[in-house]
Each structure stands twice: as structure tokens, then as C-alpha cells.
Amino acid sequence: MKFVLTTLAAALLAVSALPVRAADPGTAAIEAIGKVNGMALACEQPAIASRARNAVTTTAPKTRANGETFENATNAAYLEQGKGAPCPDASALNAALGDAEKKLQAAFPASK
């Protein structure tokens, strides 16, 4: 039993020591749009949140991974905004979303 626990602990340490792979451009773009979406939701900017959601659903491939990436980024940004950070104005959110949309379209040019 002790051998099994020692082996398991060594395996877990070995896995945690592996380098983390950088996100591909598509994942990074979806995360950026999710971040804007979360901030827009927390700051009561429904039009911007709707535009962000629409950008992902019409541009990125509809996969579980992409959906989870968007949802996780949205949730993280929403919760972070709830910690007392000041809300950016609508023009700043629109600019951030515009940049993220360009990255998304570059990452998924033929998806429609």
C-alpha cells in the first residue's frame, strides 16, 4: 500500500512539472471574447454581451472545447468584476470586443 501511494505521489509530481502549452490563437481569441462577455454581464451591458456571444457562435466551430473555453472565461471575468473592480465604460468594452472579434476571425477565417 505504501508503495502504491509513493508511486501515485511521484506520478502527480511529474505531471505537475510538465510545461504548460500556450493556448492556440483560436482558444486565446475565444478567451478574450469570454472575458469581455463576463465584464459586460457584470457591468450591465447586455448589448455588448449579446454581441460577444453572437461573435463566438457565428465564427468559431461549435465544439465542446470552444464552448467550455468561452464559458470559463466568461465566468472568471464575471467573478473578477464582482470583487469590486470599476466597470469600464461601454466604449472601452466595445473596443476590447472589436479587437477580440478580429483575432477570432483571423483564427477561424472559413468558419460559418
PDB file of N, CA and C in Angstrom:
ATOM      1  N   MET A   1       0.821  -1.186   0.000  1.00  0.00           N
ATOM      2  CA  MET A   1       0.000   0.000   0.000  1.00  0.00           C
ATOM      3  C   MET A   1       0.870   1.257   0.000  1.00  0.00           C
ATOM      4  N   LYS A   2       1.915   1.237   0.796  1.00  0.00           N
ATOM      5  CA  LYS A   2       2.815   2.388   0.865  1.00  0.00           C
ATOM      6  C   LYS A   2       3.480   2.623  -0.485  1.00  0.00           C
ATOM      7  N   PHE A   3       3.830   1.535  -1.178  1.00  0.00           N
ATOM      8  CA  PHE A   3       4.460   1.637  -2.496  1.00  0.00           C
ATOM      9  C   PHE A   3       3.507   2.293  -3.491  1.00  0.00           C
ATOM     10  N   VAL A   4       2.231   1.927  -3.438  1.00  0.00           N
ATOM     11  CA  VAL A   4       1.231   2.486  -4.347  1.00  0.00           C
ATOM     12  C   VAL A   4       1.084   3.985  -4.104  1.00  0.00           C
ATOM     13  N   LEU A   5       1.001   4.395  -2.865  1.00  0.00           N
ATOM     14  CA  LEU A   5       0.868   5.818  -2.541  1.00  0.00           C
ATOM     15  C   LEU A   5       2.109   6.601  -2.962  1.00  0.00           C
ATOM     16  N   THR A   6       3.271   6.027  -2.752  1.00  0.00           N
ATOM     17  CA  THR A   6       4.510   6.687  -3.150  1.00  0.00           C
ATOM     18  C   THR A   6       4.571   6.837  -4.668  1.00  0.00           C
ATOM     19  N   THR A   7       4.189   5.793  -5.379  1.00  0.00           N
ATOM     20  CA  THR A   7       4.183   5.832  -6.835  1.00  0.00           C
ATOM     21  C   THR A   7       3.185   6.859  -7.346  1.00  0.00           C
ATOM     22  N   LEU A   8       1.997   6.895  -6.742  1.00  0.00           N
ATOM     23  CA  LEU A   8       0.984   7.863  -7.133  1.00  0.00           C
ATOM     24  C   LEU A   8       1.467   9.290  -6.885  1.00  0.00           C
ATOM     25  N   ALA A   9       2.071   9.536  -5.760  1.00  0.00           N
ATOM     26  CA  ALA A   9       2.587  10.871  -5.447  1.00  0.00           C
ATOM     27  C   ALA A   9       3.669  11.278  -6.435  1.00  0.00           C
ATOM     28  N   ALA A  10       4.554  10.353  -6.779  1.00  0.00           N
ATOM     29  CA  ALA A  10       5.611  10.650  -7.746  1.00  0.00           C
ATOM     30  C   ALA A  10       5.025  10.957  -9.119  1.00  0.00           C
ATOM     31  N   ALA A  11       4.004  10.213  -9.509  1.00  0.00           N
ATOM     32  CA  ALA A  11       3.359  10.451 -10.805  1.00  0.00           C
ATOM     33  C   ALA A  11       2.695  11.828 -10.841  1.00  0.00           C
ATOM     34  N   LEU A  12       2.028  12.200  -9.768  1.00  0.00           N
ATOM     35  CA  LEU A  12       1.382  13.513  -9.716  1.00  0.00           C
ATOM     36  C   LEU A  12       2.399  14.640  -9.760  1.00  0.00           C
ATOM     37  N   LEU A  13       3.513  14.469  -9.080  1.00  0.00           N
ATOM     38  CA  LEU A  13       4.557  15.488  -9.121  1.00  0.00           C
ATOM     39  C   LEU A  13       5.169  15.598 -10.514  1.00  0.00           C
ATOM     40  N   ALA A  14       5.331  14.487 -11.176  1.00  0.00           N
ATOM     41  CA  ALA A  14       5.898  14.505 -12.521  1.00  0.00           C
ATOM     42  C   ALA A  14       4.968  15.217 -13.495  1.00  0.00           C
ATOM     43  N   VAL A  15       3.671  14.988 -13.374  1.00  0.00           N
ATOM     44  CA  VAL A  15       2.706  15.636 -14.261  1.00  0.00           C
ATOM     45  C   VAL A  15       2.685  17.136 -14.008  1.00  0.00           C
ATOM     46  N   SER A  16       2.740  17.553 -12.744  1.00  0.00           N
ATOM     47  CA  SER A  16       2.689  18.981 -12.440  1.00  0.00           C
ATOM     48  C   SER A  16       3.959  19.699 -12.877  1.00  0.00           C
ATOM     49  N   ALA A  17       5.031  18.976 -13.128  1.00  0.00           N
ATOM     50  CA  ALA A  17       6.270  19.597 -13.555  1.00  0.00           C
ATOM     51  C   ALA A  17       6.336  19.795 -15.070  1.00  0.00           C
ATOM     52  N   LEU A  18       5.367  19.240 -15.800  1.00  0.00           N
ATOM     53  CA  LEU A  18       5.363  19.395 -17.250  1.00  0.00           C
ATOM     54  C   LEU A  18       5.076  20.841 -17.625  1.00  0.00           C
ATOM     55  N   PRO A  19       5.697  21.347 -18.683  1.00  0.00           N
ATOM     56  CA  PRO A  19       5.417  22.723 -19.084  1.00  0.00           C
ATOM     57  C   PRO A  19       3.993  22.865 -19.605  1.00  0.00           C
ATOM     58  N   VAL A  20       3.393  23.995 -19.338  1.00  0.00           N
ATOM     59  CA  VAL A  20       2.043  24.263 -19.811  1.00  0.00           C
ATOM     60  C   VAL A  20       2.140  24.783 -21.238  1.00  0.00           C
ATOM     61  N   ARG A  21       1.360  24.191 -22.117  1.00  0.00           N
ATOM     62  CA  ARG A  21       1.370  24.589 -23.519  1.00  0.00           C
ATOM     63  C   ARG A  21       0.592  25.890 -23.692  1.00  0.00           C
ATOM     64  N   ALA A  22       1.132  26.782 -24.466  1.00  0.00           N
ATOM     65  CA  ALA A  22       0.447  28.045 -24.723  1.00  0.00           C
ATOM     66  C   ALA A  22      -0.826  27.782 -25.521  1.00  0.00           C
ATOM     67  N   ALA A  23      -1.810  28.610 -25.280  1.00  0.00           N
ATOM     68  CA  ALA A  23      -3.083  28.466 -25.988  1.00  0.00           C
ATOM     69  C   ALA A  23      -2.890  28.805 -27.463  1.00  0.00           C
ATOM     70  N   ASP A  24      -3.598  28.082 -28.315  1.00  0.00           N
ATOM     71  CA  ASP A  24      -3.545  28.378 -29.741  1.00  0.00           C
ATOM     72  C   ASP A  24      -4.303  29.681 -29.993  1.00  0.00           C
ATOM     73  N   PRO A  25      -4.127  30.292 -31.160  1.00  0.00           N
ATOM     74  CA  PRO A  25      -4.782  31.585 -31.422  1.00  0.00           C
ATOM     75  C   PRO A  25      -6.307  31.539 -31.303  1.00  0.00           C
ATOM     76  N   GLY A  26      -6.925  30.443 -31.714  1.00  0.00           N
ATOM     77  CA  GLY A  26      -8.377  30.331 -31.609  1.00  0.00           C
ATOM     78  C   GLY A  26      -8.843  30.321 -30.166  1.00  0.00           C
ATOM     79  N   THR A  27      -8.169  29.549 -29.334  1.00  0.00           N
ATOM     80  CA  THR A  27      -8.522  29.480 -27.918  1.00  0.00           C
ATOM     81  C   THR A  27      -8.290  30.823 -27.244  1.00  0.00           C
ATOM     82  N   ALA A  28      -7.184  31.467 -27.568  1.00  0.00           N
ATOM     83  CA  ALA A  28      -6.891  32.776 -26.986  1.00  0.00           C
ATOM     84  C   ALA A  28      -7.949  33.803 -27.383  1.00  0.00           C
ATOM     85  N   ALA A  29      -8.400  33.760 -28.627  1.00  0.00           N
ATOM     86  CA  ALA A  29      -9.427  34.702 -29.086  1.00  0.00           C
ATOM     87  C   ALA A  29     -10.760  34.435 -28.400  1.00  0.00           C
ATOM     88  N   ILE A  30     -11.121  33.163 -28.236  1.00  0.00           N
ATOM     89  CA  ILE A  30     -12.368  32.819 -27.547  1.00  0.00           C
ATOM     90  C   ILE A  30     -12.288  33.254 -26.087  1.00  0.00           C
ATOM     91  N   GLU A  31     -11.130  33.066 -25.456  1.00  0.00           N
ATOM     92  CA  GLU A  31     -10.953  33.509 -24.073  1.00  0.00           C
ATOM     93  C   GLU A  31     -11.093  35.024 -23.967  1.00  0.00           C
ATOM     94  N   ALA A  32     -10.536  35.757 -24.937  1.00  0.00           N
ATOM     95  CA  ALA A  32     -10.632  37.219 -24.917  1.00  0.00           C
ATOM     96  C   ALA A  32     -12.085  37.672 -25.039  1.00  0.00           C
ATOM     97  N   ILE A  33     -12.835  37.042 -25.917  1.00  0.00           N
ATOM     98  CA  ILE A  33     -14.250  37.404 -26.064  1.00  0.00           C
ATOM     99  C   ILE A  33     -15.032  36.998 -24.819  1.00  0.00           C
ATOM    100  N   GLY A  34     -14.710  35.862 -24.240  1.00  0.00           N
ATOM    101  CA  GLY A  34     -15.360  35.448 -22.998  1.00  0.00           C
ATOM    102  C   GLY A  34     -15.099  36.432 -21.868  1.00  0.00           C
ATOM    103  N   LYS A  35     -13.880  36.955 -21.816  1.00  0.00           N
ATOM    104  CA  LYS A  35     -13.546  37.945 -20.783  1.00  0.00           C
ATOM    105  C   LYS A  35     -14.400  39.195 -20.956  1.00  0.00           C
ATOM    106  N   VAL A  36     -14.503  39.684 -22.183  1.00  0.00           N
ATOM    107  CA  VAL A  36     -15.342  40.862 -22.442  1.00  0.00           C
ATOM    108  C   VAL A  36     -16.802  40.547 -22.107  1.00  0.00           C
ATOM    109  N   ASN A  37     -17.258  39.360 -22.464  1.00  0.00           N
ATOM    110  CA  ASN A  37     -18.636  38.957 -22.174  1.00  0.00           C
ATOM    111  C   ASN A  37     -18.900  38.977 -20.677  1.00  0.00           C
ATOM    112  N   GLY A  38     -18.006  38.414 -19.893  1.00  0.00           N
ATOM    113  CA  GLY A  38     -18.176  38.397 -18.439  1.00  0.00           C
ATOM    114  C   GLY A  38     -18.206  39.791 -17.847  1.00  0.00           C
ATOM    115  N   MET A  39     -17.316  40.647 -18.334  1.00  0.00           N
ATOM    116  CA  MET A  39     -17.298  42.028 -17.846  1.00  0.00           C
ATOM    117  C   MET A  39     -18.586  42.746 -18.244  1.00  0.00           C
ATOM    118  N   ALA A  40     -19.038  42.531 -19.472  1.00  0.00           N
ATOM    119  CA  ALA A  40     -20.272  43.180 -19.937  1.00  0.00           C
ATOM    120  C   ALA A  40     -21.474  42.720 -19.116  1.00  0.00           C
ATOM    121  N   LEU A  41     -21.537  41.440 -18.811  1.00  0.00           N
ATOM    122  CA  LEU A  41     -22.637  40.934 -17.993  1.00  0.00           C
ATOM    123  C   LEU A  41     -22.605  41.538 -16.590  1.00  0.00           C
ATOM    124  N   ALA A  42     -21.420  41.570 -15.994  1.00  0.00           N
ATOM    125  CA  ALA A  42     -21.287  42.102 -14.637  1.00  0.00           C
ATOM    126  C   ALA A  42     -21.553  43.597 -14.582  1.00  0.00           C
ATOM    127  N   CYS A  43     -21.261  44.296 -15.663  1.00  0.00           N
ATOM    128  CA  CYS A  43     -21.420  45.751 -15.706  1.00  0.00           C
ATOM    129  C   CYS A  43     -22.724  46.181 -16.369  1.00  0.00           C
ATOM    130  N   GLU A  44     -23.636  45.237 -16.519  1.00  0.00           N
ATOM    131  CA  GLU A  44     -24.965  45.511 -17.058  1.00  0.00           C
ATOM    132  C   GLU A  44     -24.922  46.180 -18.429  1.00  0.00           C
ATOM    133  N   GLN A  45     -24.183  45.548 -19.332  1.00  0.00           N
ATOM    134  CA  GLN A  45     -24.087  45.993 -20.728  1.00  0.00           C
ATOM    135  C   GLN A  45     -24.590  44.854 -21.619  1.00  0.00           C
ATOM    136  N   PRO A  46     -25.909  44.605 -21.648  1.00  0.00           N
ATOM    137  CA  PRO A  46     -26.436  43.438 -22.348  1.00  0.00           C
ATOM    138  C   PRO A  46     -26.198  43.447 -23.860  1.00  0.00           C
ATOM    139  N   ALA A  47     -26.155  44.601 -24.476  1.00  0.00           N
ATOM    140  CA  ALA A  47     -25.929  44.641 -25.921  1.00  0.00           C
ATOM    141  C   ALA A  47     -24.527  44.148 -26.264  1.00  0.00           C
ATOM    142  N   ILE A  48     -23.555  44.511 -25.445  1.00  0.00           N
ATOM    143  CA  ILE A  48     -22.177  44.070 -25.689  1.00  0.00           C
ATOM    144  C   ILE A  48     -22.058  42.577 -25.408  1.00  0.00           C
ATOM    145  N   ALA A  49     -22.705  42.111 -24.352  1.00  0.00           N
ATOM    146  CA  ALA A  49     -22.687  40.674 -24.036  1.00  0.00           C
ATOM    147  C   ALA A  49     -23.322  39.875 -25.164  1.00  0.00           C
ATOM    148  N   SER A  50     -24.405  40.380 -25.709  1.00  0.00           N
ATOM    149  CA  SER A  50     -25.081  39.692 -26.815  1.00  0.00           C
ATOM    150  C   SER A  50     -24.188  39.641 -28.051  1.00  0.00           C
ATOM    151  N   ARG A  51     -23.522  40.748 -28.344  1.00  0.00           N
ATOM    152  CA  ARG A  51     -22.604  40.796 -29.489  1.00  0.00           C
ATOM    153  C   ARG A  51     -21.444  39.820 -29.303  1.00  0.00           C
ATOM    154  N   ALA A  52     -20.923  39.718 -28.083  1.00  0.00           N
ATOM    155  CA  ALA A  52     -19.812  38.795 -27.806  1.00  0.00           C
ATOM    156  C   ALA A  52     -20.252  37.351 -28.019  1.00  0.00           C
ATOM    157  N   ARG A  53     -21.406  37.014 -27.478  1.00  0.00           N
ATOM    158  CA  ARG A  53     -21.931  35.652 -27.634  1.00  0.00           C
ATOM    159  C   ARG A  53     -22.180  35.336 -29.106  1.00  0.00           C
ATOM    160  N   ASN A  54     -22.735  36.291 -29.822  1.00  0.00           N
ATOM    161  CA  ASN A  54     -23.007  36.111 -31.242  1.00  0.00           C
ATOM    162  C   ASN A  54     -21.714  35.907 -32.037  1.00  0.00           C
ATOM    163  N   ALA A  55     -20.671  36.637 -31.682  1.00  0.00           N
ATOM    164  CA  ALA A  55     -19.394  36.503 -32.390  1.00  0.00           C
ATOM    165  C   ALA A  55     -18.848  35.083 -32.272  1.00  0.00           C
ATOM    166  N   VAL A  56     -18.944  34.521 -31.080  1.00  0.00           N
ATOM    167  CA  VAL A  56     -18.434  33.159 -30.876  1.00  0.00           C
ATOM    168  C   VAL A  56     -19.304  32.144 -31.612  1.00  0.00           C
ATOM    169  N   THR A  57     -20.614  32.279 -31.503  1.00  0.00           N
ATOM    170  CA  THR A  57     -21.488  31.267 -32.097  1.00  0.00           C
ATOM    171  C   THR A  57     -21.505  31.315 -33.620  1.00  0.00           C
ATOM    172  N   THR A  58     -21.195  32.463 -34.215  1.00  0.00           N
ATOM    173  CA  THR A  58     -21.209  32.551 -35.678  1.00  0.00           C
ATOM    174  C   THR A  58     -19.837  32.395 -36.310  1.00  0.00           C
ATOM    175  N   THR A  59     -18.768  32.492 -35.526  1.00  0.00           N
ATOM    176  CA  THR A  59     -17.427  32.455 -36.101  1.00  0.00           C
ATOM    177  C   THR A  59     -16.649  31.195 -35.740  1.00  0.00           C
ATOM    178  N   ALA A  60     -16.662  30.814 -34.477  1.00  0.00           N
ATOM    179  CA  ALA A  60     -15.870  29.666 -34.025  1.00  0.00           C
ATOM    180  C   ALA A  60     -16.612  28.361 -34.290  1.00  0.00           C
ATOM    181  N   PRO A  61     -15.872  27.280 -34.532  1.00  0.00           N
ATOM    182  CA  PRO A  61     -16.522  25.973 -34.676  1.00  0.00           C
ATOM    183  C   PRO A  61     -17.279  25.615 -33.393  1.00  0.00           C
ATOM    184  N   LYS A  62     -18.406  24.995 -33.548  1.00  0.00           N
ATOM    185  CA  LYS A  62     -19.241  24.634 -32.414  1.00  0.00           C
ATOM    186  C   LYS A  62     -18.772  23.303 -31.829  1.00  0.00           C
ATOM    187  N   THR A  63     -17.812  23.404 -30.919  1.00  0.00           N
ATOM    188  CA  THR A  63     -17.275  22.231 -30.242  1.00  0.00           C
ATOM    189  C   THR A  63     -17.433  22.405 -28.738  1.00  0.00           C
ATOM    190  N   ARG A  64     -17.392  21.293 -28.042  1.00  0.00           N
ATOM    191  CA  ARG A  64     -17.471  21.349 -26.583  1.00  0.00           C
ATOM    192  C   ARG A  64     -16.310  22.157 -26.017  1.00  0.00           C
ATOM    193  N   ALA A  65     -15.121  21.959 -26.547  1.00  0.00           N
ATOM    194  CA  ALA A  65     -13.947  22.673 -26.033  1.00  0.00           C
ATOM    195  C   ALA A  65     -14.098  24.177 -26.196  1.00  0.00           C
ATOM    196  N   ASN A  66     -14.576  24.611 -27.362  1.00  0.00           N
ATOM    197  CA  ASN A  66     -14.755  26.046 -27.579  1.00  0.00           C
ATOM    198  C   ASN A  66     -15.831  26.607 -26.654  1.00  0.00           C
ATOM    199  N   GLY A  67     -16.912  25.878 -26.490  1.00  0.00           N
ATOM    200  CA  GLY A  67     -17.972  26.322 -25.592  1.00  0.00           C
ATOM    201  C   GLY A  67     -17.502  26.418 -24.154  1.00  0.00           C
ATOM    202  N   GLU A  68     -16.740  25.433 -23.713  1.00  0.00           N
ATOM    203  CA  GLU A  68     -16.225  25.454 -22.349  1.00  0.00           C
ATOM    204  C   GLU A  68     -15.212  26.579 -22.158  1.00  0.00           C
ATOM    205  N   THR A  69     -14.386  26.822 -23.163  1.00  0.00           N
ATOM    206  CA  THR A  69     -13.415  27.909 -23.080  1.00  0.00           C
ATOM    207  C   THR A  69     -14.133  29.243 -22.912  1.00  0.00           C
ATOM    208  N   PHE A  70     -15.164  29.469 -23.736  1.00  0.00           N
ATOM    209  CA  PHE A  70     -15.931  30.709 -23.656  1.00  0.00           C
ATOM    210  C   PHE A  70     -16.623  30.836 -22.300  1.00  0.00           C
ATOM    211  N   GLU A  71     -17.258  29.767 -21.854  1.00  0.00           N
ATOM    212  CA  GLU A  71     -17.973  29.796 -20.580  1.00  0.00           C
ATOM    213  C   GLU A  71     -17.027  30.027 -19.404  1.00  0.00           C
ATOM    214  N   ASN A  72     -15.892  29.343 -19.402  1.00  0.00           N
ATOM    215  CA  ASN A  72     -14.941  29.506 -18.307  1.00  0.00           C
ATOM    216  C   ASN A  72     -14.367  30.917 -18.257  1.00  0.00           C
ATOM    217  N   ALA A  73     -14.054  31.479 -19.424  1.00  0.00           N
ATOM    218  CA  ALA A  73     -13.531  32.852 -19.465  1.00  0.00           C
ATOM    219  C   ALA A  73     -14.599  33.849 -19.026  1.00  0.00           C
ATOM    220  N   THR A  74     -15.836  33.610 -19.445  1.00  0.00           N
ATOM    221  CA  THR A  74     -16.945  34.478 -19.037  1.00  0.00           C
ATOM    222  C   THR A  74     -17.121  34.444 -17.524  1.00  0.00           C
ATOM    223  N   ASN A  75     -17.168  33.245 -16.968  1.00  0.00           N
ATOM    224  CA  ASN A  75     -17.359  33.104 -15.517  1.00  0.00           C
ATOM    225  C   ASN A  75     -16.229  33.759 -14.731  1.00  0.00           C
ATOM    226  N   ALA A  76     -14.995  33.539 -15.159  1.00  0.00           N
ATOM    227  CA  ALA A  76     -13.848  34.109 -14.450  1.00  0.00           C
ATOM    228  C   ALA A  76     -13.897  35.634 -14.475  1.00  0.00           C
ATOM    229  N   ALA A  77     -14.206  36.212 -15.624  1.00  0.00           N
ATOM    230  CA  ALA A  77     -14.256  37.670 -15.734  1.00  0.00           C
ATOM    231  C   ALA A  77     -15.425  38.236 -14.924  1.00  0.00           C
ATOM    232  N   TYR A  78     -16.558  37.552 -14.944  1.00  0.00           N
ATOM    233  CA  TYR A  78     -17.722  37.997 -14.180  1.00  0.00           C
ATOM    234  C   TYR A  78     -17.405  38.012 -12.685  1.00  0.00           C
ATOM    235  N   LEU A  79     -16.799  36.933 -12.205  1.00  0.00           N
ATOM    236  CA  LEU A  79     -16.458  36.851 -10.792  1.00  0.00           C
ATOM    237  C   LEU A  79     -15.389  37.874 -10.416  1.00  0.00           C
ATOM    238  N   GLU A  80     -14.427  38.084 -11.286  1.00  0.00           N
ATOM    239  CA  GLU A  80     -13.374  39.071 -11.022  1.00  0.00           C
ATOM    240  C   GLU A  80     -13.972  40.472 -10.943  1.00  0.00           C
ATOM    241  N   GLN A  81     -14.896  40.764 -11.825  1.00  0.00           N
ATOM    242  CA  GLN A  81     -15.546  42.076 -11.829  1.00  0.00           C
ATOM    243  C   GLN A  81     -16.341  42.275 -10.539  1.00  0.00           C
ATOM    244  N   GLY A  82     -16.887  41.206 -10.021  1.00  0.00           N
ATOM    245  CA  GLY A  82     -17.669  41.277  -8.797  1.00  0.00           C
ATOM    246  C   GLY A  82     -16.851  41.528  -7.544  1.00  0.00           C
ATOM    247  N   LYS A  83     -15.538  41.497  -7.658  1.00  0.00           N
ATOM    248  CA  LYS A  83     -14.669  41.743  -6.497  1.00  0.00           C
ATOM    249  C   LYS A  83     -14.446  43.235  -6.256  1.00  0.00           C
ATOM    250  N   GLY A  84     -15.183  44.067  -6.990  1.00  0.00           N
ATOM    251  CA  GLY A  84     -15.090  45.499  -6.734  1.00  0.00           C
ATOM    252  C   GLY A  84     -14.339  46.292  -7.777  1.00  0.00           C
ATOM    253  N   ALA A  85     -13.933  45.665  -8.852  1.00  0.00           N
ATOM    254  CA  ALA A  85     -13.239  46.402  -9.907  1.00  0.00           C
ATOM    255  C   ALA A  85     -14.217  47.379 -10.557  1.00  0.00           C
ATOM    256  N   PRO A  86     -13.753  48.573 -10.910  1.00  0.00           N
ATOM    257  CA  PRO A  86     -14.664  49.520 -11.565  1.00  0.00           C
ATOM    258  C   PRO A  86     -15.029  49.028 -12.963  1.00  0.00           C
ATOM    259  N   CYS A  87     -16.250  49.276 -13.358  1.00  0.00           N
ATOM    260  CA  CYS A  87     -16.704  48.846 -14.682  1.00  0.00           C
ATOM    261  C   CYS A  87     -16.144  49.777 -15.752  1.00  0.00           C
ATOM    262  N   PRO A  88     -15.597  49.199 -16.809  1.00  0.00           N
ATOM    263  CA  PRO A  88     -15.180  50.040 -17.925  1.00  0.00           C
ATOM    264  C   PRO A  88     -16.423  50.602 -18.619  1.00  0.00           C
ATOM    265  N   ASP A  89     -16.261  51.735 -19.283  1.00  0.00           N
ATOM    266  CA  ASP A  89     -17.419  52.293 -19.982  1.00  0.00           C
ATOM    267  C   ASP A  89     -17.709  51.478 -21.242  1.00  0.00           C
ATOM    268  N   ALA A  90     -18.852  51.728 -21.835  1.00  0.00           N
ATOM    269  CA  ALA A  90     -19.299  50.955 -22.995  1.00  0.00           C
ATOM    270  C   ALA A  90     -18.323  51.069 -24.162  1.00  0.00           C
ATOM    271  N   SER A  91     -17.735  52.240 -24.349  1.00  0.00           N
ATOM    272  CA  SER A  91     -16.809  52.397 -25.478  1.00  0.00           C
ATOM    273  C   SER A  91     -15.551  51.557 -25.289  1.00  0.00           C
ATOM    274  N   ALA A  92     -15.068  51.437 -24.063  1.00  0.00           N
ATOM    275  CA  ALA A  92     -13.891  50.595 -23.803  1.00  0.00           C
ATOM    276  C   ALA A  92     -14.225  49.125 -24.022  1.00  0.00           C
ATOM    277  N   LEU A  93     -15.396  48.702 -23.576  1.00  0.00           N
ATOM    278  CA  LEU A  93     -15.809  47.312 -23.797  1.00  0.00           C
ATOM    279  C   LEU A  93     -15.995  47.040 -25.293  1.00  0.00           C
ATOM    280  N   ASN A  94     -16.584  47.981 -26.013  1.00  0.00           N
ATOM    281  CA  ASN A  94     -16.753  47.818 -27.459  1.00  0.00           C
ATOM    282  C   ASN A  94     -15.416  47.712 -28.170  1.00  0.00           C
ATOM    283  N   ALA A  95     -14.447  48.520 -27.754  1.00  0.00           N
ATOM    284  CA  ALA A  95     -13.118  48.469 -28.373  1.00  0.00           C
ATOM    285  C   ALA A  95     -12.438  47.127 -28.095  1.00  0.00           C
ATOM    286  N   ALA A  96     -12.535  46.659 -26.850  1.00  0.00           N
ATOM    287  CA  ALA A  96     -11.941  45.368 -26.492  1.00  0.00           C
ATOM    288  C   ALA A  96     -12.611  44.242 -27.269  1.00  0.00           C
ATOM    289  N   LEU A  97     -13.926  44.322 -27.413  1.00  0.00           N
ATOM    290  CA  LEU A  97     -14.637  43.293 -28.160  1.00  0.00           C
ATOM    291  C   LEU A  97     -14.269  43.341 -29.635  1.00  0.00           C
ATOM    292  N   GLY A  98     -14.127  44.521 -30.191  1.00  0.00           N
ATOM    293  CA  GLY A  98     -13.717  44.645 -31.591  1.00  0.00           C
ATOM    294  C   GLY A  98     -12.360  44.003 -31.849  1.00  0.00           C
ATOM    295  N   ASP A  99     -11.404  44.239 -30.947  1.00  0.00           N
ATOM    296  CA  ASP A  99     -10.082  43.618 -31.083  1.00  0.00           C
ATOM    297  C   ASP A  99     -10.186  42.096 -30.988  1.00  0.00           C
ATOM    298  N   ALA A 100     -10.976  41.616 -30.031  1.00  0.00           N
ATOM    299  CA  ALA A 100     -11.134  40.171 -29.855  1.00  0.00           C
ATOM    300  C   ALA A 100     -11.831  39.544 -31.059  1.00  0.00           C
ATOM    301  N   GLU A 101     -12.810  40.255 -31.637  1.00  0.00           N
ATOM    302  CA  GLU A 101     -13.503  39.736 -32.823  1.00  0.00           C
ATOM    303  C   GLU A 101     -12.542  39.600 -34.002  1.00  0.00           C
ATOM    304  N   LYS A 102     -11.647  40.557 -34.169  1.00  0.00           N
ATOM    305  CA  LYS A 102     -10.656  40.480 -35.256  1.00  0.00           C
ATOM    306  C   LYS A 102      -9.756  39.260 -35.073  1.00  0.00           C
ATOM    307  N   LYS A 103      -9.332  39.012 -33.840  1.00  0.00           N
ATOM    308  CA  LYS A 103      -8.492  37.843 -33.552  1.00  0.00           C
ATOM    309  C   LYS A 103      -9.261  36.552 -33.809  1.00  0.00           C
ATOM    310  N   LEU A 104     -10.527  36.547 -33.440  1.00  0.00           N
ATOM    311  CA  LEU A 104     -11.363  35.360 -33.649  1.00  0.00           C
ATOM    312  C   LEU A 104     -11.531  35.086 -35.138  1.00  0.00           C
ATOM    313  N   GLN A 105     -11.797  36.118 -35.922  1.00  0.00           N
ATOM    314  CA  GLN A 105     -11.966  35.953 -37.371  1.00  0.00           C
ATOM    315  C   GLN A 105     -10.665  35.519 -38.032  1.00  0.00           C
ATOM    316  N   ALA A 106      -9.543  35.983 -37.515  1.00  0.00           N
ATOM    317  CA  ALA A 106      -8.250  35.559 -38.055  1.00  0.00           C
ATOM    318  C   ALA A 106      -7.968  34.091 -37.712  1.00  0.00           C
ATOM    319  N   ALA A 107      -8.393  33.674 -36.545  1.00  0.00           N
ATOM    320  CA  ALA A 107      -8.160  32.281 -36.117  1.00  0.00           C
ATOM    321  C   ALA A 107      -9.080  31.299 -36.816  1.00  0.00           C
ATOM    322  N   PHE A 108     -10.292  31.736 -37.158  1.00  0.00           N
ATOM    323  CA  PHE A 108     -11.281  30.858 -37.793  1.00  0.00           C
ATOM    324  C   PHE A 108     -11.830  31.557 -39.059  1.00  0.00           C
ATOM    325  N   PRO A 109     -10.986  31.729 -40.086  1.00  0.00           N
ATOM    326  CA  PRO A 109     -11.410  32.522 -41.251  1.00  0.00           C
ATOM    327  C   PRO A 109     -12.514  31.882 -42.088  1.00  0.00           C
ATOM    328  N   ALA A 110     -12.572  30.571 -42.156  1.00  0.00           N
ATOM    329  CA  ALA A 110     -13.535  29.914 -43.051  1.00  0.00           C
ATOM    330  C   ALA A 110     -14.744  29.369 -42.307  1.00  0.00           C
ATOM    331  N   SER A 111     -14.806  29.546 -41.021  1.00  0.00           N
ATOM    332  CA  SER A 111     -15.930  29.005 -40.241  1.00  0.00           C
ATOM    333  C   SER A 111     -17.146  29.884 -40.410  1.00  0.00           C
ATOM    334  N   LYS A 112     -18.223  29.282 -40.811  1.00  0.00           N
ATOM    335  CA  LYS A 112     -19.506  29.990 -40.908  1.00  0.00           C
ATOM    336  C   LYS A 112     -20.612  28.981 -40.864  1.00  0.00           C
TER     337      LYS A 112
END
